[in-house]
Amino acid sequence: MLSRVANSMYWLGRYLERAENYARFIDVNFNLMLDLPPDLKAQWEPLIYITGDEHLYKQKYTGFDRKDVVHFLAFDKDNPNSILSSISFARENARVIRENLTKETWENLNELYHFVQRRSEKKDWIKDDPRAFFESVKNQVLLLYGLAESTVARTEGWYFRQLGMNLERADKTSRIVDVKYHILLPAPTLVGTPLDFLHWTALLKSVTAFNTYRRLYGNIEPAKVVEFLLLNKYFPRSAFYCIREAESCLHKISGSSDSGYQNTAEKAVGELRSRLEFTDVEEIIQVGLHEYIDKLQVKINQISDKVNTNFFQIKDNFITQNSLQE
């Protein structure tokens, strides 16, 4: 496969997952507001920290007003990670490789792009309740995932898109856990209170994990939630599951066995998968959750860099005149 096509497939997966994640946790925060005590102000600042774009946000806005946060995360063209930007980048990558996509995939992605553009022009962030917009974005992205699952051949292009999706999902899940642990509660004295329970519930709902968690673990306990979202081997949005899937995609792309590696990207993702597989939640808490997640995010970024180096950068394979003379 051409590196240009592989690169577009990879980033198509990442941008769609990014848009769906943003729509997901904004929508959950709106729902959380309905359950908060009347004397407690809704918190929008954590959503900015989840994305890692707090420096860009502070350059444009003062304070963390709901409308400013929603505009920045959903419709701000100057934010390269907003829903509008992510869907636009996803569509552009799809346009470049349109001949490699099914007709239904292109049509639905194009429809999603124009839907987001229309809602931006109508300034949906000003509405008191814009949840219908975020629900539509989630459903449209999930429809694209369903189309791909049912109609796309499992060739290199499929695995590059799945690779991008899983790395993006692992990164966003880890960020959600990190922000909840450090920012979401207004005071340490509220740990273990009904308000704390509401916030952990909102965190699980933001990754559509609440019902699955309750079936597997029962009561809401912080350590168990951390274990579920970072280390669980069966939940598709846990960090471990996503990294294991990313490793499998790289093996399929390279044609290597599941027990070895052929390039630095496979080596890096294998090392991270092994570290997560043989870690338990007590070790994470002992090291410090924030510190552990920081290292996890650095590792994910390094894997992405190595994927770019090994598969997307054009290598100079021409023999120079000097080398011929030598």
Protein backbone atom coordinates (compact mmCIF):
# COMPACT_ATOMS: atom_id res chain seq x y z
CA MET A 1 0.00 0.00 0.00
CA LEU A 2 1.22 3.53 -0.79
CA SER A 3 2.37 5.42 2.31
CA ARG A 4 0.05 8.31 1.32
CA VAL A 5 -2.98 6.03 1.37
CA ALA A 6 -1.91 4.33 4.61
CA ASN A 7 -1.39 7.71 6.27
CA SER A 8 -4.85 8.93 5.26
CA MET A 9 -6.45 5.69 6.48
CA TYR A 10 -4.66 5.97 9.82
CA TRP A 11 -5.70 9.59 10.39
CA LEU A 12 -9.23 8.94 9.19
CA GLY A 13 -9.50 6.48 12.09
CA ARG A 14 -7.98 8.90 14.59
CA TYR A 15 -10.07 11.92 13.61
CA LEU A 16 -13.38 10.06 13.63
CA GLU A 17 -12.62 8.61 17.05
CA ARG A 18 -11.57 12.05 18.34
CA ALA A 19 -14.82 13.66 17.19
CA GLU A 20 -16.91 10.86 18.71
CA ASN A 21 -15.05 11.12 22.03
CA TYR A 22 -15.53 14.88 22.22
CA ALA A 23 -19.24 14.57 21.49
CA ARG A 24 -19.47 11.80 24.07
CA PHE A 25 -18.00 13.55 27.10
CA ILE A 26 -19.63 16.93 26.35
CA ASP A 27 -23.01 15.21 26.18
CA VAL A 28 -22.35 13.37 29.46
CA ASN A 29 -21.41 16.64 31.18
CA PHE A 30 -24.75 18.16 30.16
CA ASN A 31 -26.54 15.15 31.63
CA LEU A 32 -24.46 15.41 34.82
CA MET A 33 -25.67 18.99 35.30
CA LEU A 34 -29.22 17.68 35.73
CA ASP A 35 -28.16 15.58 38.75
CA LEU A 36 -25.98 18.15 40.51
CA PRO A 37 -27.25 19.83 43.70
CA PRO A 38 -28.80 23.24 42.90
CA ASP A 39 -26.13 25.10 44.89
CA LEU A 40 -23.22 23.51 43.00
CA LYS A 41 -22.05 25.10 39.77
CA ALA A 42 -21.46 22.81 36.81
CA GLN A 43 -17.79 22.25 35.99
CA TRP A 44 -16.68 22.75 32.40
CA GLU A 45 -12.98 23.29 33.01
CA PRO A 46 -12.19 19.54 33.25
CA LEU A 47 -13.35 19.04 29.66
CA ILE A 48 -10.61 21.37 28.44
CA TYR A 49 -7.98 19.47 30.41
CA ILE A 50 -9.21 16.14 29.04
CA THR A 51 -8.26 17.30 25.55
CA GLY A 52 -4.84 18.66 26.55
CA ASP A 53 -5.59 21.97 24.77
CA GLU A 54 -5.79 24.18 27.85
CA HIS A 55 -2.99 26.48 26.62
CA LEU A 56 -4.77 27.19 23.33
CA TYR A 57 -8.06 27.71 25.15
CA LYS A 58 -6.59 30.25 27.58
CA GLN A 59 -5.16 32.25 24.69
CA LYS A 60 -8.68 32.83 23.36
CA TYR A 61 -11.02 32.78 26.34
CA THR A 62 -11.12 34.04 29.92
CA GLY A 63 -12.78 31.72 32.41
CA PHE A 64 -14.58 28.47 31.66
CA ASP A 65 -18.08 29.55 30.75
CA ARG A 66 -20.24 26.75 29.34
CA LYS A 67 -20.83 28.42 25.98
CA ASP A 68 -17.12 29.18 25.52
CA VAL A 69 -16.09 25.63 26.37
CA VAL A 70 -18.72 24.07 24.09
CA HIS A 71 -17.80 26.42 21.24
CA PHE A 72 -14.09 25.67 21.65
CA LEU A 73 -14.52 21.90 21.78
CA ALA A 74 -17.23 21.56 19.16
CA PHE A 75 -17.16 24.42 16.66
CA ASP A 76 -13.95 26.46 16.96
CA LYS A 77 -12.09 26.36 13.62
CA ASP A 78 -8.93 27.61 15.36
CA ASN A 79 -8.92 24.52 17.57
CA PRO A 80 -7.42 21.73 15.42
CA ASN A 81 -9.02 19.11 17.66
CA SER A 82 -12.60 20.46 17.81
CA ILE A 83 -15.42 18.29 16.48
CA LEU A 84 -15.73 20.59 13.46
CA SER A 85 -12.00 20.41 12.72
CA SER A 86 -11.79 16.65 13.31
CA ILE A 87 -14.71 15.89 11.00
CA SER A 88 -13.27 18.27 8.37
CA PHE A 89 -9.85 16.56 8.56
CA ALA A 90 -11.49 13.13 8.44
CA ARG A 91 -13.45 14.10 5.33
CA GLU A 92 -10.34 15.51 3.64
CA ASN A 93 -8.42 12.29 4.32
CA ALA A 94 -11.36 10.28 2.98
CA ARG A 95 -11.54 12.48 -0.15
CA VAL A 96 -7.87 11.82 -0.91
CA ILE A 97 -8.42 8.05 -0.76
CA ARG A 98 -12.00 7.96 -1.93
CA GLU A 99 -11.35 5.09 -4.33
CA ASN A 100 -10.30 2.97 -1.33
CA LEU A 101 -13.57 3.55 0.56
CA THR A 102 -17.02 2.11 0.05
CA LYS A 103 -19.64 4.39 -1.51
CA GLU A 104 -21.73 4.26 1.69
CA THR A 105 -18.78 5.28 3.87
CA TRP A 106 -18.02 8.34 1.77
CA GLU A 107 -21.67 9.42 1.53
CA ASN A 108 -22.29 9.14 5.27
CA LEU A 109 -19.06 10.91 6.19
CA ASN A 110 -19.87 13.67 3.72
CA GLU A 111 -23.35 13.97 5.24
CA LEU A 112 -21.84 14.22 8.74
CA TYR A 113 -19.45 16.95 7.57
CA HIS A 114 -22.26 19.09 6.14
CA PHE A 115 -24.42 18.49 9.23
CA VAL A 116 -21.67 19.80 11.54
CA GLN A 117 -21.08 22.78 9.23
CA ARG A 118 -24.79 23.69 9.30
CA ARG A 119 -24.99 23.44 13.07
CA SER A 120 -21.91 25.65 13.38
CA GLU A 121 -23.52 28.30 11.18
CA LYS A 122 -26.64 28.17 13.35
CA LYS A 123 -24.48 28.63 16.48
CA ASP A 124 -25.68 25.55 18.35
CA TRP A 125 -23.36 26.33 21.28
CA ILE A 126 -25.65 29.23 22.26
CA LYS A 127 -28.60 26.90 22.83
CA ASP A 128 -29.52 26.05 26.41
CA ASP A 129 -29.64 22.36 25.51
CA PRO A 130 -27.56 21.37 22.45
CA ARG A 131 -27.45 17.69 23.40
CA ALA A 132 -29.26 16.64 20.22
CA PHE A 133 -26.25 17.80 18.21
CA PHE A 134 -23.78 15.69 20.18
CA GLU A 135 -26.08 12.68 20.10
CA SER A 136 -26.26 12.99 16.30
CA VAL A 137 -22.46 13.18 15.97
CA LYS A 138 -22.03 10.06 18.11
CA ASN A 139 -24.65 8.12 16.16
CA GLN A 140 -23.22 9.13 12.79
CA VAL A 141 -19.69 8.08 13.73
CA LEU A 142 -20.98 4.79 15.13
CA LEU A 143 -22.88 4.28 11.86
CA LEU A 144 -19.60 4.73 9.97
CA TYR A 145 -17.96 2.18 12.27
CA GLY A 146 -20.82 -0.24 11.63
CA LEU A 147 -20.54 0.21 7.86
CA ALA A 148 -16.81 -0.46 8.00
CA GLU A 149 -17.29 -3.51 10.22
CA SER A 150 -19.80 -5.04 7.82
CA THR A 151 -18.54 -4.02 4.38
CA VAL A 152 -14.77 -3.37 4.38
CA ALA A 153 -12.29 -6.11 3.44
CA ARG A 154 -9.66 -6.88 6.09
CA THR A 155 -6.72 -5.60 4.07
CA GLU A 156 -3.92 -3.21 5.05
CA GLY A 157 -6.21 -0.18 4.76
CA TRP A 158 -8.63 -1.62 7.32
CA TYR A 159 -5.83 -2.32 9.80
CA PHE A 160 -4.32 1.16 9.44
CA ARG A 161 -7.70 2.73 10.21
CA GLN A 162 -8.24 0.41 13.19
CA LEU A 163 -4.72 1.20 14.40
CA GLY A 164 -5.45 4.92 14.39
CA MET A 165 -8.81 4.46 16.09
CA ASN A 166 -7.42 2.30 18.89
CA LEU A 167 -4.45 4.56 19.68
CA GLU A 168 -6.77 7.59 19.80
CA ARG A 169 -9.26 5.73 22.02
CA ALA A 170 -6.57 4.59 24.46
CA ASP A 171 -5.28 8.16 24.75
CA LYS A 172 -8.73 9.67 25.38
CA THR A 173 -9.74 7.02 27.93
CA SER A 174 -6.57 7.67 29.93
CA ARG A 175 -7.17 11.44 29.84
CA ILE A 176 -10.73 11.07 31.10
CA VAL A 177 -9.56 8.98 34.08
CA ASP A 178 -6.75 11.41 34.87
CA VAL A 179 -8.93 14.54 34.85
CA LYS A 180 -11.61 12.95 37.02
CA TYR A 181 -9.07 11.91 39.62
CA HIS A 182 -7.47 15.33 39.97
CA ILE A 183 -9.93 18.05 39.00
CA LEU A 184 -13.56 17.04 39.00
CA LEU A 185 -14.25 17.08 42.73
CA PRO A 186 -14.42 20.58 44.24
CA ALA A 187 -12.91 19.49 47.59
CA PRO A 188 -11.12 16.41 49.04
CA THR A 189 -13.75 16.20 51.76
CA LEU A 190 -16.31 15.16 49.15
CA VAL A 191 -14.50 11.92 48.30
CA GLY A 192 -16.87 9.02 48.98
CA THR A 193 -19.97 11.22 49.08
CA PRO A 194 -23.02 10.93 46.80
CA LEU A 195 -21.53 13.73 44.70
CA ASP A 196 -18.36 11.67 44.23
CA PHE A 197 -20.55 8.74 43.17
CA LEU A 198 -22.26 10.96 40.59
CA HIS A 199 -18.93 11.98 39.11
CA TRP A 200 -17.58 8.44 38.85
CA THR A 201 -20.89 7.42 37.27
CA ALA A 202 -20.56 10.26 34.74
CA LEU A 203 -17.02 9.14 33.94
CA LEU A 204 -18.20 5.59 33.22
CA LYS A 205 -21.09 6.88 31.11
CA SER A 206 -18.72 9.08 29.10
CA VAL A 207 -17.16 5.90 27.70
CA THR A 208 -20.46 3.94 27.65
CA ALA A 209 -19.17 1.70 30.40
CA PHE A 210 -21.61 2.17 33.28
CA ASN A 211 -23.80 -0.91 32.78
CA THR A 212 -20.87 -3.15 31.87
CA TYR A 213 -18.95 -1.99 34.94
CA ARG A 214 -21.89 -2.65 37.26
CA ARG A 215 -22.30 -6.18 35.89
CA LEU A 216 -18.61 -6.99 36.36
CA TYR A 217 -17.76 -5.09 39.57
CA GLY A 218 -20.98 -4.12 41.32
CA ASN A 219 -20.50 -1.07 43.52
CA ILE A 220 -18.80 2.08 42.26
CA GLU A 221 -15.32 2.20 43.80
CA PRO A 222 -12.54 4.46 42.46
CA ALA A 223 -9.85 1.77 42.36
CA LYS A 224 -12.16 -0.64 40.54
CA VAL A 225 -13.15 2.04 38.01
CA VAL A 226 -9.47 2.76 37.35
CA GLU A 227 -8.77 -0.96 36.92
CA PHE A 228 -11.75 -1.35 34.58
CA LEU A 229 -10.86 1.59 32.31
CA LEU A 230 -7.09 1.05 32.19
CA LEU A 231 -6.47 -2.68 32.60
CA ASN A 232 -9.62 -4.65 31.73
CA LYS A 233 -8.96 -7.29 29.06
CA TYR A 234 -12.49 -7.44 27.64
CA PHE A 235 -13.92 -3.90 27.58
CA PRO A 236 -13.31 -2.34 24.10
CA ARG A 237 -12.51 1.12 25.49
CA SER A 238 -10.04 0.14 28.19
CA ALA A 239 -6.48 1.30 27.59
CA PHE A 240 -5.14 -2.26 27.65
CA TYR A 241 -7.72 -3.58 25.18
CA CYS A 242 -7.02 -0.72 22.74
CA ILE A 243 -3.24 -1.17 22.92
CA ARG A 244 -3.59 -4.93 22.42
CA GLU A 245 -5.76 -4.30 19.36
CA ALA A 246 -3.26 -1.75 18.04
CA GLU A 247 -0.49 -4.35 18.42
CA SER A 248 -2.58 -6.90 16.52
CA CYS A 249 -3.15 -4.37 13.71
CA LEU A 250 0.59 -3.72 13.40
CA HIS A 251 1.29 -7.47 13.23
CA LYS A 252 -1.27 -7.82 10.43
CA ILE A 253 0.23 -4.87 8.52
CA SER A 254 3.80 -6.15 8.87
CA GLY A 255 2.94 -9.81 8.44
CA SER A 256 4.87 -10.69 11.59
CA SER A 257 3.97 -13.30 14.17
CA ASP A 258 2.13 -12.39 17.36
CA SER A 259 5.21 -13.17 19.42
CA GLY A 260 7.79 -11.02 17.61
CA TYR A 261 8.29 -7.68 15.93
CA GLN A 262 9.72 -6.38 12.68
CA ASN A 263 9.99 -2.64 13.35
CA THR A 264 10.25 -0.10 16.15
CA ALA A 265 6.50 0.61 16.17
CA GLU A 266 5.70 -3.04 16.86
CA LYS A 267 8.38 -3.16 19.54
CA ALA A 268 7.05 -0.05 21.30
CA VAL A 269 3.42 -1.15 21.28
CA GLY A 270 4.42 -4.65 22.43
CA GLU A 271 6.35 -3.24 25.36
CA LEU A 272 3.39 -1.06 26.41
CA ARG A 273 0.91 -3.93 26.02
CA SER A 274 3.11 -6.15 28.19
CA ARG A 275 3.47 -3.46 30.84
CA LEU A 276 -0.31 -2.96 31.04
CA GLU A 277 -1.01 -6.70 30.97
CA PHE A 278 1.18 -7.42 33.99
CA THR A 279 0.27 -4.37 36.07
CA ASP A 280 -2.39 -4.36 38.76
CA VAL A 281 -4.31 -1.36 40.05
CA GLU A 282 -2.51 -1.34 43.42
CA GLU A 283 0.78 -0.70 41.63
CA ILE A 284 -0.80 2.18 39.71
CA ILE A 285 -2.17 3.80 42.86
CA GLN A 286 1.17 3.31 44.63
CA VAL A 287 3.10 4.98 41.80
CA GLY A 288 0.48 7.71 41.56
CA LEU A 289 -2.38 7.64 39.07
CA HIS A 290 -1.50 10.98 37.49
CA GLU A 291 2.16 10.02 37.10
CA TYR A 292 1.27 6.61 35.66
CA ILE A 293 -1.15 8.09 33.12
CA ASP A 294 1.37 10.77 32.12
CA LYS A 295 3.86 8.03 31.24
CA LEU A 296 1.12 6.06 29.44
CA GLN A 297 0.25 9.04 27.25
CA VAL A 298 3.91 9.65 26.44
CA LYS A 299 4.22 6.00 25.37
CA ILE A 300 1.13 6.26 23.14
CA ASN A 301 2.54 9.40 21.49
CA GLN A 302 5.85 7.62 20.94
CA ILE A 303 4.06 4.71 19.28
CA SER A 304 2.27 7.14 16.97
CA ASP A 305 5.60 8.77 16.08
CA LYS A 306 7.14 5.38 15.31
CA VAL A 307 4.17 4.41 13.15
CA ASN A 308 4.74 7.61 11.18
CA THR A 309 8.47 6.92 10.83
CA ASN A 310 8.07 3.29 9.78
CA PHE A 311 5.10 3.52 7.44
CA PHE A 312 4.34 7.07 6.31
CA GLN A 313 7.64 8.86 5.78
CA ILE A 314 9.01 8.59 2.24
CA LYS A 315 12.42 6.98 2.42
CA ASP A 316 15.19 7.86 -0.01
CA ASN A 317 15.88 4.63 -1.88
CA PHE A 318 17.87 6.18 -4.70
CA ILE A 319 21.58 5.43 -5.05
CA THR A 320 23.58 8.63 -5.40
CA GLN A 321 26.39 9.12 -7.91
CA ASN A 322 28.91 9.38 -5.05
CA SER A 323 27.87 6.02 -3.63
CA LEU A 324 28.25 4.45 -7.07
CA GLN A 325 31.77 5.85 -7.36
CA GLU A 326 32.65 4.49 -3.93
